Every structure is written in structure tokens, then in C-alpha cells.
Amino acid sequence: MARFRMYPTSEQAEQMLLHCAHARYVWNLAVEQHAHWKPGRNSAPGFAEQCRQLTEARRENEWLRAGNADVQQQALKDFAQAKNARFTSGFGEPAWRRKFRHEGFRVIGTDTPRPAAHCQGCRVTSHHR
């Protein structure tokens, strides 16, 4: 997987932090839903059901609707992968994400490194591990 370091302007950095907030909010809702499950209750919603719920929440919530749906759905997908890997990864159950501590979001689905629309004008350099 290729990684790239970005050098955003202050306006772009502000927009990226907003993406982080949306992704963190969606992730924490998923954690809350799964924490509520107990033996004898119906199972917690899976990825597809959570995506349907996200669509409904975006209709009703202006702040969430203002965010990027791809970033929010990717947070749900990452949560589902973490939930499925909890026994093999060694990290256990997915945990709450906290502001300024667990900031981040993923944008996938492109083969060529292109900054998203909110990052136009960003200086992007390849970052190899």
C-alpha cells in the first residue's frame, strides 16, 4: 500500500480535521452499537445495516451530511474489519476513538495518488516505509 505525506494549507488542514471528526463519530457509534449487545439480544448490526443507518442519519443530521460519505463509510468498513480480526490481530475489541489522540481517516478506491477535492493545491510527497 502506498502512503503519501501531505502538506496542507491551514484551510485544508481544518477540512481534514472535520473529516477526522466525522470518521471518529461514525466509528464511536459503531462501537456503542456493538457494546450494547448482550447474549439473548438480537445481534448487533453488520456493515450493510450500519451503512443503511448512516444514510438515514445523514438525512436527519446536517453536520453529518456536510461530511464526505465515502470517509464515513470507510470508517464503518474499517470498524467491521477490526471487529472481524479481533481474535487474530491481538488488539481485542475495537475501542473508542478520542479527539486529538486517534485522528485519521482513509480514502481508498483510487489507483493513482490524487488529492481529494478538498486537498487541491496540497503538496503531496510519496512516503515509503
Foldseek 3Di string as FASTA:
>chain_A
DWDKDWAFDPQLVVLLQLLQVLLLVLLQVLVVQQVPDDPPDPHGDALVVSLVVLVVVLVVDVSNVVYDSQQNSQSRVVQNVCCVCQVPPVPHHDDHDDPPGRGDTDDDDDPDDDDPPSRVVIDMDIDDD
